[in-house]
N, C-alpha and C. Protein backbone atom coordinates (compact mmCIF):
# COMPACT_ATOMS: atom_id res chain seq x y z
N MET A 1 0.85 -1.21 0.00
CA MET A 1 0.00 0.00 0.00
C MET A 1 0.88 1.25 0.00
N SER A 2 0.43 2.28 -0.67
CA SER A 2 1.21 3.51 -0.76
C SER A 2 0.91 4.49 0.36
N ILE A 3 -0.09 4.17 1.20
CA ILE A 3 -0.43 5.06 2.30
C ILE A 3 0.49 4.72 3.46
N LEU A 4 1.47 5.58 3.72
CA LEU A 4 2.54 5.24 4.64
C LEU A 4 2.06 5.01 6.07
N GLU A 5 0.97 5.67 6.48
CA GLU A 5 0.48 5.51 7.83
C GLU A 5 -0.17 4.15 8.06
N TYR A 6 -0.41 3.42 7.01
CA TYR A 6 -1.11 2.14 7.09
C TYR A 6 -0.18 1.01 6.67
N THR A 7 -0.04 0.04 7.54
CA THR A 7 0.68 -1.18 7.20
C THR A 7 -0.34 -2.31 7.15
N ALA A 8 -0.58 -2.82 5.98
CA ALA A 8 -1.61 -3.86 5.82
C ALA A 8 -1.20 -5.14 6.52
N ARG A 9 -2.15 -5.76 7.22
CA ARG A 9 -1.93 -7.11 7.70
C ARG A 9 -1.76 -8.02 6.50
N LYS A 10 -0.87 -8.98 6.62
CA LYS A 10 -0.57 -9.84 5.47
C LYS A 10 -1.82 -10.54 4.94
N GLN A 11 -2.79 -10.77 5.83
CA GLN A 11 -4.00 -11.46 5.41
C GLN A 11 -4.83 -10.63 4.43
N PHE A 12 -4.63 -9.30 4.43
CA PHE A 12 -5.41 -8.42 3.56
C PHE A 12 -4.64 -7.94 2.34
N ILE A 13 -3.38 -8.29 2.21
CA ILE A 13 -2.59 -7.82 1.06
C ILE A 13 -3.20 -8.30 -0.27
N PRO A 14 -3.62 -9.56 -0.39
CA PRO A 14 -4.25 -9.96 -1.67
C PRO A 14 -5.52 -9.16 -1.98
N PHE A 15 -6.27 -8.78 -0.95
CA PHE A 15 -7.45 -7.94 -1.15
C PHE A 15 -7.06 -6.59 -1.75
N HIS A 16 -6.04 -5.96 -1.19
CA HIS A 16 -5.60 -4.66 -1.70
C HIS A 16 -5.05 -4.76 -3.12
N GLN A 17 -4.54 -5.91 -3.49
CA GLN A 17 -3.93 -6.09 -4.81
C GLN A 17 -4.91 -6.62 -5.86
N ARG A 18 -6.16 -6.80 -5.49
CA ARG A 18 -7.14 -7.39 -6.41
C ARG A 18 -7.34 -6.51 -7.65
N VAL A 19 -7.81 -7.14 -8.70
CA VAL A 19 -8.12 -6.41 -9.94
C VAL A 19 -9.61 -6.53 -10.28
N GLU A 20 -10.33 -7.39 -9.57
CA GLU A 20 -11.75 -7.59 -9.84
C GLU A 20 -12.56 -6.36 -9.39
N ARG A 21 -13.65 -6.13 -10.09
CA ARG A 21 -14.51 -5.00 -9.76
C ARG A 21 -15.28 -5.22 -8.46
N TRP A 22 -15.68 -6.46 -8.20
CA TRP A 22 -16.50 -6.78 -7.04
C TRP A 22 -15.71 -7.66 -6.09
N ALA A 23 -15.92 -7.46 -4.80
CA ALA A 23 -15.20 -8.25 -3.80
C ALA A 23 -16.11 -8.54 -2.62
N SER A 24 -15.88 -9.70 -2.00
CA SER A 24 -16.63 -10.09 -0.81
C SER A 24 -15.63 -10.56 0.25
N LEU A 25 -15.72 -9.97 1.45
CA LEU A 25 -14.81 -10.30 2.55
C LEU A 25 -15.61 -10.89 3.70
N ASN A 26 -15.37 -12.16 3.98
CA ASN A 26 -16.02 -12.88 5.07
C ASN A 26 -14.97 -13.07 6.17
N THR A 27 -15.01 -12.24 7.19
CA THR A 27 -13.93 -12.23 8.18
C THR A 27 -14.44 -12.41 9.60
N HIS A 28 -13.59 -12.98 10.42
CA HIS A 28 -13.95 -13.14 11.83
C HIS A 28 -13.86 -11.79 12.55
N ARG A 29 -14.45 -11.74 13.72
CA ARG A 29 -14.43 -10.52 14.53
C ARG A 29 -12.99 -10.14 14.89
N ARG A 30 -12.69 -8.86 14.88
CA ARG A 30 -11.39 -8.29 15.23
C ARG A 30 -10.28 -8.67 14.25
N ALA A 31 -10.66 -8.96 13.01
CA ALA A 31 -9.64 -9.28 12.00
C ALA A 31 -8.98 -8.02 11.46
N GLY A 32 -9.64 -6.87 11.61
CA GLY A 32 -9.10 -5.62 11.09
C GLY A 32 -9.68 -5.22 9.75
N LYS A 33 -10.87 -5.73 9.42
CA LYS A 33 -11.42 -5.46 8.09
C LYS A 33 -11.78 -4.01 7.88
N THR A 34 -12.30 -3.32 8.91
CA THR A 34 -12.72 -1.92 8.71
C THR A 34 -11.53 -1.04 8.39
N VAL A 35 -10.42 -1.23 9.09
CA VAL A 35 -9.20 -0.46 8.79
C VAL A 35 -8.74 -0.76 7.36
N ALA A 36 -8.80 -2.02 6.97
CA ALA A 36 -8.42 -2.39 5.59
C ALA A 36 -9.35 -1.76 4.57
N LEU A 37 -10.64 -1.75 4.85
CA LEU A 37 -11.62 -1.19 3.92
C LEU A 37 -11.42 0.32 3.74
N ILE A 38 -11.22 1.02 4.83
CA ILE A 38 -11.01 2.48 4.76
C ILE A 38 -9.75 2.80 3.96
N ASN A 39 -8.67 2.10 4.25
CA ASN A 39 -7.42 2.40 3.55
C ASN A 39 -7.45 1.96 2.09
N ASP A 40 -8.24 0.95 1.79
CA ASP A 40 -8.39 0.56 0.40
C ASP A 40 -9.06 1.68 -0.39
N MET A 41 -10.08 2.30 0.20
CA MET A 41 -10.74 3.44 -0.45
C MET A 41 -9.76 4.60 -0.65
N ILE A 42 -8.97 4.88 0.38
CA ILE A 42 -8.03 6.01 0.30
C ILE A 42 -7.05 5.80 -0.83
N GLU A 43 -6.42 4.62 -0.87
CA GLU A 43 -5.43 4.37 -1.92
C GLU A 43 -6.07 4.44 -3.31
N LYS A 44 -7.23 3.85 -3.44
CA LYS A 44 -7.86 3.83 -4.77
C LYS A 44 -8.32 5.22 -5.20
N SER A 45 -8.52 6.12 -4.25
CA SER A 45 -8.88 7.50 -4.62
C SER A 45 -7.73 8.17 -5.36
N PHE A 46 -6.49 7.76 -5.07
CA PHE A 46 -5.33 8.34 -5.75
C PHE A 46 -5.09 7.69 -7.11
N MET A 47 -5.73 6.57 -7.36
CA MET A 47 -5.54 5.86 -8.62
C MET A 47 -6.70 6.09 -9.59
N CYS A 48 -7.74 6.76 -9.14
CA CYS A 48 -8.94 6.92 -9.96
C CYS A 48 -8.67 7.83 -11.17
N PRO A 49 -9.08 7.43 -12.36
CA PRO A 49 -8.83 8.25 -13.55
C PRO A 49 -9.84 9.38 -13.73
N HIS A 50 -10.90 9.38 -12.94
CA HIS A 50 -11.95 10.37 -13.11
C HIS A 50 -11.70 11.62 -12.27
N ARG A 51 -12.29 12.71 -12.72
CA ARG A 51 -12.20 13.97 -11.99
C ARG A 51 -13.11 13.92 -10.75
N LYS A 52 -12.62 14.46 -9.65
CA LYS A 52 -13.37 14.55 -8.39
C LYS A 52 -14.04 13.22 -8.01
N PRO A 53 -13.23 12.20 -7.78
CA PRO A 53 -13.80 10.91 -7.41
C PRO A 53 -14.52 10.95 -6.07
N GLN A 54 -15.54 10.12 -5.93
CA GLN A 54 -16.31 10.02 -4.70
C GLN A 54 -16.40 8.56 -4.26
N TYR A 55 -16.23 8.35 -2.95
CA TYR A 55 -16.30 7.01 -2.38
C TYR A 55 -17.19 7.04 -1.15
N ALA A 56 -17.80 5.90 -0.86
CA ALA A 56 -18.67 5.82 0.31
C ALA A 56 -18.37 4.56 1.11
N TYR A 57 -18.17 4.74 2.41
CA TYR A 57 -18.18 3.64 3.36
C TYR A 57 -19.57 3.63 3.96
N ILE A 58 -20.26 2.50 3.86
CA ILE A 58 -21.65 2.41 4.32
C ILE A 58 -21.75 1.32 5.38
N GLY A 59 -22.14 1.71 6.58
CA GLY A 59 -22.38 0.76 7.65
C GLY A 59 -23.86 0.46 7.77
N PRO A 60 -24.24 -0.47 8.65
CA PRO A 60 -25.66 -0.81 8.79
C PRO A 60 -26.54 0.37 9.17
N THR A 61 -26.03 1.24 10.05
CA THR A 61 -26.74 2.46 10.42
C THR A 61 -25.73 3.61 10.44
N PHE A 62 -26.24 4.83 10.36
CA PHE A 62 -25.36 6.00 10.40
C PHE A 62 -24.59 6.03 11.72
N THR A 63 -25.27 5.72 12.82
CA THR A 63 -24.61 5.74 14.14
C THR A 63 -23.49 4.72 14.20
N GLN A 64 -23.74 3.50 13.70
CA GLN A 64 -22.69 2.48 13.69
C GLN A 64 -21.54 2.87 12.79
N ALA A 65 -21.85 3.41 11.63
CA ALA A 65 -20.79 3.81 10.70
C ALA A 65 -19.91 4.87 11.32
N LYS A 66 -20.52 5.83 12.00
CA LYS A 66 -19.74 6.88 12.66
C LYS A 66 -18.86 6.30 13.75
N ARG A 67 -19.41 5.42 14.56
CA ARG A 67 -18.66 4.84 15.66
C ARG A 67 -17.53 3.93 15.16
N ILE A 68 -17.79 3.16 14.11
CA ILE A 68 -16.83 2.17 13.64
C ILE A 68 -15.75 2.76 12.74
N ALA A 69 -16.15 3.64 11.82
CA ALA A 69 -15.25 4.01 10.73
C ALA A 69 -14.78 5.46 10.70
N TRP A 70 -15.51 6.39 11.31
CA TRP A 70 -15.21 7.81 11.14
C TRP A 70 -13.83 8.18 11.68
N VAL A 71 -13.48 7.67 12.85
CA VAL A 71 -12.16 7.99 13.42
C VAL A 71 -11.05 7.44 12.54
N TYR A 72 -11.22 6.21 12.06
CA TYR A 72 -10.22 5.63 11.16
C TYR A 72 -10.08 6.48 9.89
N ALA A 73 -11.21 6.89 9.33
CA ALA A 73 -11.18 7.68 8.09
C ALA A 73 -10.41 8.98 8.29
N LYS A 74 -10.65 9.65 9.42
CA LYS A 74 -9.93 10.90 9.69
C LYS A 74 -8.46 10.66 9.96
N ASP A 75 -8.17 9.64 10.73
CA ASP A 75 -6.77 9.35 11.08
C ASP A 75 -5.92 9.09 9.84
N TYR A 76 -6.43 8.26 8.95
CA TYR A 76 -5.62 7.83 7.81
C TYR A 76 -5.63 8.81 6.64
N THR A 77 -6.51 9.82 6.68
CA THR A 77 -6.51 10.81 5.59
C THR A 77 -5.96 12.17 6.02
N GLU A 78 -5.60 12.33 7.27
CA GLU A 78 -5.30 13.66 7.80
C GLU A 78 -4.27 14.44 6.97
N LYS A 79 -3.22 13.80 6.53
CA LYS A 79 -2.19 14.51 5.78
C LYS A 79 -2.65 14.92 4.39
N TYR A 80 -3.81 14.40 3.96
CA TYR A 80 -4.30 14.69 2.62
C TYR A 80 -5.51 15.62 2.61
N TRP A 81 -5.91 16.14 3.76
CA TRP A 81 -7.10 16.98 3.82
C TRP A 81 -6.93 18.26 2.99
N ALA A 82 -7.96 18.58 2.19
CA ALA A 82 -8.01 19.88 1.53
C ALA A 82 -8.58 20.92 2.48
N LYS A 83 -9.39 20.47 3.43
CA LYS A 83 -10.00 21.31 4.46
C LYS A 83 -10.43 20.39 5.59
N PRO A 84 -10.74 20.93 6.76
CA PRO A 84 -11.15 20.06 7.87
C PRO A 84 -12.37 19.22 7.50
N PRO A 85 -12.45 18.00 8.01
CA PRO A 85 -13.62 17.14 7.73
C PRO A 85 -14.91 17.79 8.21
N GLN A 86 -16.00 17.47 7.52
CA GLN A 86 -17.32 17.98 7.90
C GLN A 86 -17.94 16.97 8.87
N GLU A 87 -17.90 17.32 10.14
CA GLU A 87 -18.31 16.38 11.19
C GLU A 87 -19.79 16.04 11.13
N SER A 88 -20.63 17.00 10.78
CA SER A 88 -22.06 16.72 10.76
C SER A 88 -22.45 15.77 9.63
N GLU A 89 -21.75 15.87 8.49
CA GLU A 89 -22.05 15.04 7.34
C GLU A 89 -21.14 13.83 7.22
N LEU A 90 -20.13 13.74 8.08
CA LEU A 90 -19.11 12.68 7.99
C LEU A 90 -18.54 12.62 6.57
N LYS A 91 -17.97 13.74 6.16
CA LYS A 91 -17.47 13.90 4.80
C LYS A 91 -16.05 14.45 4.84
N ILE A 92 -15.16 13.84 4.07
CA ILE A 92 -13.76 14.26 3.99
C ILE A 92 -13.42 14.61 2.55
N THR A 93 -12.91 15.82 2.34
CA THR A 93 -12.45 16.25 1.02
C THR A 93 -10.92 16.31 1.04
N MET A 94 -10.30 15.62 0.10
CA MET A 94 -8.84 15.51 0.10
C MET A 94 -8.21 16.39 -0.99
N LYS A 95 -6.91 16.56 -0.89
CA LYS A 95 -6.18 17.44 -1.79
C LYS A 95 -6.24 16.98 -3.24
N ASN A 96 -6.43 15.70 -3.47
CA ASN A 96 -6.55 15.19 -4.84
C ASN A 96 -7.97 15.34 -5.39
N GLU A 97 -8.81 16.10 -4.67
CA GLU A 97 -10.21 16.39 -5.02
C GLU A 97 -11.13 15.19 -4.80
N ALA A 98 -10.63 14.12 -4.19
CA ALA A 98 -11.48 12.99 -3.86
C ALA A 98 -12.28 13.29 -2.60
N THR A 99 -13.49 12.74 -2.53
CA THR A 99 -14.35 12.90 -1.37
C THR A 99 -14.71 11.53 -0.82
N LEU A 100 -14.58 11.39 0.50
CA LEU A 100 -14.97 10.17 1.19
C LEU A 100 -16.18 10.46 2.05
N HIS A 101 -17.21 9.64 1.93
CA HIS A 101 -18.43 9.78 2.72
C HIS A 101 -18.57 8.59 3.65
N ILE A 102 -18.96 8.83 4.88
CA ILE A 102 -19.31 7.77 5.82
C ILE A 102 -20.82 7.83 6.00
N LEU A 103 -21.51 6.74 5.64
CA LEU A 103 -22.97 6.76 5.58
C LEU A 103 -23.56 5.52 6.24
N GLY A 104 -24.86 5.56 6.47
CA GLY A 104 -25.56 4.42 7.05
C GLY A 104 -26.59 3.87 6.09
N ALA A 105 -26.74 2.54 6.05
CA ALA A 105 -27.73 1.92 5.18
C ALA A 105 -29.15 2.18 5.65
N ASP A 106 -29.30 2.66 6.88
CA ASP A 106 -30.65 2.98 7.36
C ASP A 106 -31.20 4.24 6.72
N ASN A 107 -30.31 5.03 6.08
CA ASN A 107 -30.75 6.21 5.34
C ASN A 107 -30.09 6.19 3.97
N ALA A 108 -30.27 5.08 3.27
CA ALA A 108 -29.61 4.91 1.98
C ALA A 108 -30.05 5.95 0.96
N ASP A 109 -31.22 6.53 1.15
CA ASP A 109 -31.69 7.53 0.20
C ASP A 109 -30.79 8.75 0.16
N ALA A 110 -29.94 8.93 1.18
CA ALA A 110 -28.99 10.03 1.16
C ALA A 110 -27.99 9.89 0.01
N LEU A 111 -27.87 8.67 -0.52
CA LEU A 111 -26.98 8.42 -1.66
C LEU A 111 -27.62 8.70 -3.00
N ARG A 112 -28.93 8.82 -3.03
CA ARG A 112 -29.61 8.98 -4.32
C ARG A 112 -29.15 10.27 -5.00
N GLY A 113 -28.89 10.15 -6.29
CA GLY A 113 -28.43 11.30 -7.05
C GLY A 113 -26.92 11.46 -7.08
N MET A 114 -26.20 10.72 -6.22
CA MET A 114 -24.75 10.79 -6.20
C MET A 114 -24.15 9.84 -7.22
N TYR A 115 -22.94 10.15 -7.66
CA TYR A 115 -22.15 9.17 -8.40
C TYR A 115 -21.09 8.64 -7.43
N LEU A 116 -20.69 7.41 -7.64
CA LEU A 116 -19.66 6.80 -6.80
C LEU A 116 -18.64 6.09 -7.66
N ASP A 117 -17.37 6.25 -7.31
CA ASP A 117 -16.30 5.52 -7.96
C ASP A 117 -15.98 4.23 -7.20
N GLY A 118 -16.46 4.13 -5.98
CA GLY A 118 -16.28 2.92 -5.19
C GLY A 118 -17.16 2.98 -3.96
N ALA A 119 -17.64 1.82 -3.53
CA ALA A 119 -18.49 1.75 -2.34
C ALA A 119 -18.12 0.53 -1.51
N VAL A 120 -18.03 0.74 -0.21
CA VAL A 120 -17.77 -0.33 0.75
C VAL A 120 -19.03 -0.52 1.58
N MET A 121 -19.53 -1.73 1.62
CA MET A 121 -20.71 -2.05 2.43
C MET A 121 -20.28 -2.96 3.56
N ASP A 122 -20.11 -2.39 4.76
CA ASP A 122 -19.57 -3.12 5.90
C ASP A 122 -20.70 -3.69 6.75
N GLU A 123 -20.47 -4.89 7.29
CA GLU A 123 -21.50 -5.66 8.00
C GLU A 123 -22.75 -5.78 7.12
N TYR A 124 -22.48 -6.23 5.90
CA TYR A 124 -23.53 -6.32 4.88
C TYR A 124 -24.64 -7.29 5.26
N ALA A 125 -24.36 -8.20 6.17
CA ALA A 125 -25.38 -9.14 6.62
C ALA A 125 -26.58 -8.43 7.24
N MET A 126 -26.40 -7.19 7.69
CA MET A 126 -27.46 -6.44 8.35
C MET A 126 -28.17 -5.47 7.42
N PHE A 127 -27.85 -5.46 6.13
CA PHE A 127 -28.45 -4.54 5.17
C PHE A 127 -29.79 -5.09 4.65
N ARG A 128 -30.65 -4.19 4.21
CA ARG A 128 -31.81 -4.58 3.41
C ARG A 128 -31.34 -4.83 1.97
N PRO A 129 -31.84 -5.85 1.29
CA PRO A 129 -31.40 -6.13 -0.09
C PRO A 129 -31.56 -4.95 -1.03
N SER A 130 -32.59 -4.15 -0.84
CA SER A 130 -32.86 -3.05 -1.76
C SER A 130 -31.82 -1.94 -1.69
N VAL A 131 -31.05 -1.87 -0.62
CA VAL A 131 -30.06 -0.79 -0.47
C VAL A 131 -29.04 -0.86 -1.61
N PHE A 132 -28.54 -2.06 -1.91
CA PHE A 132 -27.58 -2.17 -3.01
C PHE A 132 -28.26 -2.05 -4.36
N SER A 133 -29.29 -2.84 -4.58
CA SER A 133 -29.88 -2.91 -5.92
C SER A 133 -30.54 -1.61 -6.36
N GLN A 134 -31.15 -0.89 -5.43
CA GLN A 134 -31.91 0.31 -5.80
C GLN A 134 -31.13 1.61 -5.62
N VAL A 135 -30.12 1.61 -4.78
CA VAL A 135 -29.44 2.87 -4.47
C VAL A 135 -27.95 2.84 -4.83
N ILE A 136 -27.22 1.89 -4.28
CA ILE A 136 -25.77 1.89 -4.46
C ILE A 136 -25.37 1.46 -5.88
N ARG A 137 -25.98 0.41 -6.38
CA ARG A 137 -25.59 -0.07 -7.72
C ARG A 137 -25.79 0.99 -8.79
N PRO A 138 -26.91 1.69 -8.84
CA PRO A 138 -27.05 2.76 -9.84
C PRO A 138 -26.01 3.86 -9.68
N ALA A 139 -25.61 4.16 -8.45
CA ALA A 139 -24.62 5.22 -8.23
C ALA A 139 -23.25 4.86 -8.78
N LEU A 140 -22.99 3.56 -8.95
CA LEU A 140 -21.70 3.09 -9.46
C LEU A 140 -21.68 2.96 -10.99
N SER A 141 -22.83 3.08 -11.62
CA SER A 141 -22.95 2.66 -13.01
C SER A 141 -22.23 3.54 -14.02
N ASP A 142 -22.38 4.85 -13.95
CA ASP A 142 -21.86 5.67 -15.04
C ASP A 142 -20.35 5.82 -15.01
N ARG A 143 -19.72 5.60 -13.83
CA ARG A 143 -18.26 5.70 -13.75
C ARG A 143 -17.61 4.34 -13.52
N ASN A 144 -18.41 3.28 -13.76
CA ASN A 144 -17.89 1.91 -13.65
C ASN A 144 -17.24 1.68 -12.29
N GLY A 145 -17.90 2.15 -11.25
CA GLY A 145 -17.34 2.05 -9.90
C GLY A 145 -17.32 0.63 -9.38
N TRP A 146 -16.48 0.41 -8.36
CA TRP A 146 -16.32 -0.92 -7.78
C TRP A 146 -17.09 -1.02 -6.46
N GLY A 147 -17.30 -2.25 -6.00
CA GLY A 147 -18.02 -2.46 -4.75
C GLY A 147 -17.40 -3.57 -3.93
N VAL A 148 -17.38 -3.38 -2.61
CA VAL A 148 -16.89 -4.38 -1.67
C VAL A 148 -17.99 -4.68 -0.65
N PHE A 149 -18.30 -5.95 -0.48
CA PHE A 149 -19.28 -6.41 0.50
C PHE A 149 -18.50 -7.11 1.60
N ALA A 150 -18.64 -6.66 2.83
CA ALA A 150 -17.85 -7.23 3.92
C ALA A 150 -18.72 -7.48 5.14
N SER A 151 -18.41 -8.55 5.87
CA SER A 151 -19.20 -8.84 7.06
C SER A 151 -18.57 -9.97 7.86
N THR A 152 -18.94 -10.05 9.13
CA THR A 152 -18.80 -11.30 9.85
C THR A 152 -20.00 -12.15 9.42
N PRO A 153 -19.92 -13.48 9.55
CA PRO A 153 -20.91 -14.34 8.90
C PRO A 153 -22.37 -14.13 9.32
N ARG A 154 -22.67 -14.22 10.61
CA ARG A 154 -24.03 -14.02 11.12
C ARG A 154 -25.06 -14.98 10.51
N GLY A 155 -24.62 -16.18 10.16
CA GLY A 155 -25.56 -17.18 9.66
C GLY A 155 -25.85 -17.04 8.17
N LYS A 156 -26.93 -17.70 7.73
CA LYS A 156 -27.30 -17.69 6.31
C LYS A 156 -28.25 -16.52 6.05
N ASN A 157 -27.77 -15.54 5.31
CA ASN A 157 -28.50 -14.29 5.12
C ASN A 157 -28.08 -13.66 3.80
N LEU A 158 -28.35 -12.37 3.66
CA LEU A 158 -27.99 -11.64 2.45
C LEU A 158 -26.50 -11.73 2.16
N PHE A 159 -25.67 -11.56 3.18
CA PHE A 159 -24.22 -11.63 2.95
C PHE A 159 -23.78 -13.05 2.61
N TYR A 160 -24.37 -14.04 3.26
CA TYR A 160 -24.05 -15.43 2.95
C TYR A 160 -24.25 -15.70 1.46
N ASN A 161 -25.35 -15.23 0.91
CA ASN A 161 -25.63 -15.42 -0.51
C ASN A 161 -24.60 -14.70 -1.38
N THR A 162 -24.20 -13.50 -0.96
CA THR A 162 -23.19 -12.74 -1.71
C THR A 162 -21.85 -13.46 -1.70
N GLN A 163 -21.46 -13.97 -0.54
CA GLN A 163 -20.20 -14.69 -0.43
C GLN A 163 -20.20 -15.96 -1.27
N GLN A 164 -21.32 -16.67 -1.27
CA GLN A 164 -21.44 -17.87 -2.09
C GLN A 164 -21.27 -17.53 -3.57
N GLN A 165 -21.87 -16.44 -4.00
CA GLN A 165 -21.73 -16.01 -5.39
C GLN A 165 -20.28 -15.66 -5.71
N ALA A 166 -19.64 -14.91 -4.78
CA ALA A 166 -18.26 -14.46 -5.01
C ALA A 166 -17.29 -15.63 -5.14
N GLU A 167 -17.52 -16.68 -4.35
CA GLU A 167 -16.62 -17.82 -4.37
C GLU A 167 -16.76 -18.64 -5.65
N LYS A 168 -17.89 -18.52 -6.34
CA LYS A 168 -18.13 -19.29 -7.57
C LYS A 168 -17.85 -18.51 -8.84
N ASP A 169 -17.87 -17.19 -8.76
CA ASP A 169 -17.80 -16.34 -9.95
C ASP A 169 -16.38 -15.79 -10.12
N PRO A 170 -15.68 -16.12 -11.20
CA PRO A 170 -14.31 -15.62 -11.40
C PRO A 170 -14.22 -14.11 -11.58
N ALA A 171 -15.36 -13.46 -11.80
CA ALA A 171 -15.35 -12.01 -11.92
C ALA A 171 -15.30 -11.32 -10.56
N TRP A 172 -15.38 -12.11 -9.49
CA TRP A 172 -15.36 -11.58 -8.13
C TRP A 172 -14.05 -11.96 -7.42
N TYR A 173 -13.66 -11.12 -6.46
CA TYR A 173 -12.61 -11.49 -5.51
C TYR A 173 -13.30 -11.91 -4.22
N ALA A 174 -12.91 -13.05 -3.66
CA ALA A 174 -13.52 -13.54 -2.42
C ALA A 174 -12.43 -13.87 -1.40
N LEU A 175 -12.65 -13.43 -0.18
CA LEU A 175 -11.72 -13.71 0.92
C LEU A 175 -12.52 -14.22 2.11
N THR A 176 -12.09 -15.34 2.68
CA THR A 176 -12.66 -15.84 3.92
C THR A 176 -11.54 -15.98 4.94
N LEU A 177 -11.70 -15.34 6.08
CA LEU A 177 -10.73 -15.44 7.17
C LEU A 177 -11.41 -16.07 8.38
N LYS A 178 -11.03 -17.31 8.68
CA LYS A 178 -11.50 -17.97 9.90
C LYS A 178 -10.48 -17.71 11.00
N ALA A 179 -10.96 -17.44 12.20
CA ALA A 179 -10.06 -17.13 13.31
C ALA A 179 -9.10 -18.28 13.59
N SER A 180 -9.55 -19.51 13.35
CA SER A 180 -8.71 -20.67 13.62
C SER A 180 -7.55 -20.79 12.63
N LEU A 181 -7.65 -20.10 11.50
CA LEU A 181 -6.63 -20.21 10.46
C LEU A 181 -5.89 -18.91 10.16
N SER A 182 -6.47 -17.77 10.50
CA SER A 182 -5.89 -16.49 10.08
C SER A 182 -4.61 -16.15 10.83
N GLY A 183 -4.48 -16.60 12.07
CA GLY A 183 -3.30 -16.27 12.86
C GLY A 183 -3.35 -14.89 13.51
N ILE A 184 -4.47 -14.18 13.37
CA ILE A 184 -4.59 -12.82 13.92
C ILE A 184 -4.85 -12.87 15.43
N ILE A 185 -5.69 -13.79 15.86
CA ILE A 185 -5.99 -13.94 17.28
C ILE A 185 -5.28 -15.19 17.80
N SER A 186 -4.64 -15.08 18.94
CA SER A 186 -3.82 -16.17 19.47
C SER A 186 -4.66 -17.40 19.79
N PRO A 187 -4.09 -18.59 19.67
CA PRO A 187 -4.82 -19.82 20.02
C PRO A 187 -5.32 -19.81 21.48
N ARG A 188 -4.53 -19.24 22.37
CA ARG A 188 -4.94 -19.18 23.77
C ARG A 188 -6.20 -18.33 23.93
N GLU A 189 -6.25 -17.20 23.25
CA GLU A 189 -7.43 -16.35 23.33
C GLU A 189 -8.64 -17.02 22.70
N LEU A 190 -8.43 -17.72 21.60
CA LEU A 190 -9.54 -18.44 20.96
C LEU A 190 -10.09 -19.53 21.86
N ASP A 191 -9.21 -20.24 22.57
CA ASP A 191 -9.66 -21.27 23.50
C ASP A 191 -10.52 -20.67 24.60
N GLU A 192 -10.10 -19.50 25.10
CA GLU A 192 -10.87 -18.85 26.14
C GLU A 192 -12.23 -18.37 25.61
N LEU A 193 -12.23 -17.86 24.40
CA LEU A 193 -13.49 -17.43 23.78
C LEU A 193 -14.45 -18.61 23.62
N ARG A 194 -13.93 -19.75 23.22
CA ARG A 194 -14.77 -20.94 23.06
C ARG A 194 -15.42 -21.33 24.38
N ARG A 195 -14.66 -21.20 25.48
CA ARG A 195 -15.20 -21.57 26.79
C ARG A 195 -16.27 -20.59 27.26
N GLN A 196 -16.16 -19.35 26.85
CA GLN A 196 -17.05 -18.31 27.37
C GLN A 196 -18.25 -18.03 26.47
N MET A 197 -18.26 -18.57 25.26
CA MET A 197 -19.33 -18.30 24.32
C MET A 197 -20.09 -19.57 23.98
N ASP A 198 -21.35 -19.39 23.61
CA ASP A 198 -22.14 -20.48 23.06
C ASP A 198 -21.49 -20.93 21.74
N PRO A 199 -21.46 -22.23 21.45
CA PRO A 199 -20.82 -22.70 20.21
C PRO A 199 -21.36 -22.01 18.95
N GLU A 200 -22.66 -21.77 18.93
CA GLU A 200 -23.24 -21.11 17.76
C GLU A 200 -22.77 -19.66 17.66
N GLU A 201 -22.67 -18.99 18.83
CA GLU A 201 -22.17 -17.62 18.84
C GLU A 201 -20.72 -17.57 18.38
N PHE A 202 -19.91 -18.51 18.86
CA PHE A 202 -18.51 -18.53 18.46
C PHE A 202 -18.37 -18.75 16.96
N ALA A 203 -19.16 -19.68 16.43
CA ALA A 203 -19.10 -19.96 14.98
C ALA A 203 -19.52 -18.73 14.18
N GLN A 204 -20.49 -17.98 14.70
CA GLN A 204 -20.98 -16.80 14.01
C GLN A 204 -19.96 -15.67 13.98
N GLU A 205 -19.22 -15.50 15.09
CA GLU A 205 -18.32 -14.35 15.21
C GLU A 205 -16.88 -14.67 14.82
N TYR A 206 -16.46 -15.92 14.98
CA TYR A 206 -15.05 -16.24 14.76
C TYR A 206 -14.79 -17.35 13.75
């Protein structure tokens, strides 16, 4: 990655190097996906061939998106700010004329009328299906924008179906990180989590 403040975990390097337009990330809790998603948007904003590129990080709700991603977005873009971030709108304008928006799927209509060069849908398992098909997908169309769907598993749901499609379709990039295999969380901590959690809960989160 060219963003010096960010050192990608090795597990996410193939994601950052992908060439596919669509990507699905199925990761365990505390894998670091939100930091990876934010920095992926930042780097790609410098590679975009279009004038005044726009990107959106979309969480399940505006409140969750602000709590989860806003601090990361400000931290990793600070040296590139064209002006101070707009706290009320969760909007960052950078020196390369790129704009990053932090939004919630609970108010997806706020995206209507916008164009997007890239969109990240985090914790996609909690989204309504219409958010992508009716709002985000059209916003990506005229500039051939890319999309990333990311979530912890949370059972068989909207994200499960997306991940299944991504794993079968060569036009997609698919990543699955299981806590037992990723090496991010220590075996000792995983053993303790197994003892303290219901087996179904552990399978859902890790």
